[in-house]
Amino acid sequence: QVQLVESGGGLVQPGGSLRLSCAVSGNIFSIYGMGWYRQAPGKQRELVATITSGGRTNYADSVKGRFTISRDDAKNTVYLQMNSLKPEDTAVYYCNADVNSLRRWGQGTQVTVSS
């Protein structure tokens, strides 16, 4: 059984930083693309950032220059470094990964940006 477990969310003031982590565990044969999505109250889930197995990254325009996605394949973990956070970044952040040729989701971690 494969699990994706996010951590690192919380409450932060505008302009602050947070680092999210997502660890993949279980019976893993392969992990290809990984990414982060978010869903704010009353809105659809949206892509934040993705990273391929080769390290190619893609970002939503709203987070370019502020967020950085990375991965550590030795630890089966993907990270999202979030800087210069804004109130509009408030959402539940979900990890996503292509594990054993199936797209899988984590349970989500809340990020709240507020003074």
Protein backbone atom coordinates (compact mmCIF):
# COMPACT_ATOMS: atom_id res chain seq x y z
CA GLN A 1 0.00 0.00 0.00
CA VAL A 2 1.33 3.40 -0.99
CA GLN A 3 0.89 6.50 1.17
CA LEU A 4 1.68 10.16 0.63
CA VAL A 5 2.01 12.13 3.84
CA GLU A 6 2.33 15.91 3.83
CA SER A 7 3.78 18.01 6.63
CA GLY A 8 4.93 21.57 7.25
CA GLY A 9 1.71 23.52 6.99
CA GLY A 10 0.60 26.08 9.54
CA LEU A 11 -0.16 29.72 10.24
CA VAL A 12 2.26 32.35 8.98
CA GLN A 13 2.20 36.11 8.63
CA PRO A 14 2.18 37.79 5.22
CA GLY A 15 5.71 37.92 3.86
CA GLY A 16 6.72 34.84 5.80
CA SER A 17 7.93 31.44 4.65
CA LEU A 18 6.96 27.81 5.02
CA ARG A 19 8.41 24.58 3.71
CA LEU A 20 6.07 21.72 2.89
CA SER A 21 7.23 18.13 2.65
CA CYS A 22 5.54 15.08 1.19
CA ALA A 23 6.97 11.65 1.88
CA VAL A 24 5.93 8.66 -0.22
CA SER A 25 6.03 5.31 1.55
CA GLY A 26 4.95 1.73 0.98
CA ASN A 27 5.50 -0.70 -1.84
CA ILE A 28 7.24 1.61 -4.32
CA PHE A 29 8.56 0.45 -7.68
CA SER A 30 8.70 3.79 -9.43
CA ILE A 31 7.96 7.48 -8.86
CA TYR A 32 7.77 9.76 -11.84
CA GLY A 33 6.16 13.19 -11.77
CA MET A 34 5.46 14.83 -8.44
CA GLY A 35 3.68 18.02 -7.61
CA TRP A 36 1.72 20.29 -5.33
CA TYR A 37 -1.84 21.50 -5.74
CA ARG A 38 -3.98 23.69 -3.52
CA GLN A 39 -7.63 24.31 -2.85
CA ALA A 40 -8.97 27.43 -1.20
CA PRO A 41 -12.47 27.54 0.33
CA GLY A 42 -15.11 27.76 -2.38
CA LYS A 43 -12.60 27.31 -5.18
CA GLN A 44 -11.45 24.47 -7.38
CA ARG A 45 -8.22 22.65 -6.76
CA GLU A 46 -5.42 24.27 -8.76
CA LEU A 47 -1.89 23.36 -9.74
CA VAL A 48 0.87 25.06 -7.79
CA ALA A 49 4.04 23.38 -9.05
CA THR A 50 5.24 20.14 -10.60
CA ILE A 51 8.58 18.45 -11.04
CA THR A 52 9.44 15.60 -13.39
CA SER A 53 11.71 12.67 -12.59
CA GLY A 54 14.37 14.52 -14.59
CA GLY A 55 14.02 17.64 -12.46
CA ARG A 56 12.09 19.80 -14.89
CA THR A 57 9.82 22.19 -12.99
CA ASN A 58 6.62 24.03 -13.79
CA TYR A 59 4.87 26.71 -11.72
CA ALA A 60 1.56 28.49 -11.65
CA ASP A 61 2.01 32.13 -12.64
CA SER A 62 0.74 33.22 -9.24
CA VAL A 63 3.66 31.59 -7.40
CA LYS A 64 6.53 32.04 -9.85
CA GLY A 65 9.53 33.64 -8.18
CA ARG A 66 8.17 32.94 -4.70
CA PHE A 67 7.80 29.13 -4.50
CA THR A 68 10.37 26.46 -5.28
CA ILE A 69 9.62 22.78 -5.78
CA SER A 70 12.33 20.15 -5.32
CA ARG A 71 12.61 16.43 -4.75
CA ASP A 72 14.91 13.99 -3.01
CA ASP A 73 14.56 10.64 -4.75
CA ALA A 74 16.68 8.88 -2.13
CA LYS A 75 14.02 9.83 0.43
CA ASN A 76 11.01 9.55 -1.92
CA THR A 77 10.11 13.07 -0.86
CA VAL A 78 9.00 16.23 -2.62
CA TYR A 79 9.27 19.68 -1.10
CA LEU A 80 7.68 23.07 -1.64
CA GLN A 81 9.57 26.06 -0.32
CA MET A 82 7.15 28.98 -0.07
CA ASN A 83 8.52 32.49 0.42
CA SER A 84 6.91 35.92 0.44
CA LEU A 85 3.59 34.35 1.33
CA LYS A 86 0.40 36.30 0.68
CA PRO A 87 -3.08 35.95 2.20
CA GLU A 88 -4.29 34.62 -1.17
CA ASP A 89 -1.94 31.65 -0.74
CA THR A 90 -4.20 30.41 2.06
CA ALA A 91 -5.47 26.95 1.10
CA VAL A 92 -5.18 23.26 1.74
CA TYR A 93 -2.08 22.06 -0.07
CA TYR A 94 -2.09 18.57 -1.56
CA CYS A 95 0.82 16.47 -2.67
CA ASN A 96 0.48 14.46 -5.86
CA ALA A 97 2.76 11.79 -7.29
CA ASP A 98 2.82 9.24 -10.06
CA VAL A 99 3.69 6.13 -8.03
CA ASN A 100 3.79 2.72 -9.72
CA SER A 101 2.03 4.28 -12.74
CA LEU A 102 -0.93 5.46 -10.65
CA ARG A 103 -1.63 9.07 -9.73
CA ARG A 104 -1.92 9.36 -5.97
CA TRP A 105 -2.83 12.12 -3.54
CA GLY A 106 -1.92 13.00 -0.01
CA GLN A 107 -4.45 14.00 2.62
CA GLY A 108 -3.58 17.70 2.48
CA THR A 109 -2.03 20.20 4.84
CA GLN A 110 -3.51 23.57 5.76
CA VAL A 111 -1.56 26.74 5.04
CA THR A 112 -2.99 29.95 6.46
CA VAL A 113 -1.41 33.33 5.73
CA SER A 114 -2.79 35.97 8.05
CA SER A 115 -1.69 38.75 10.35
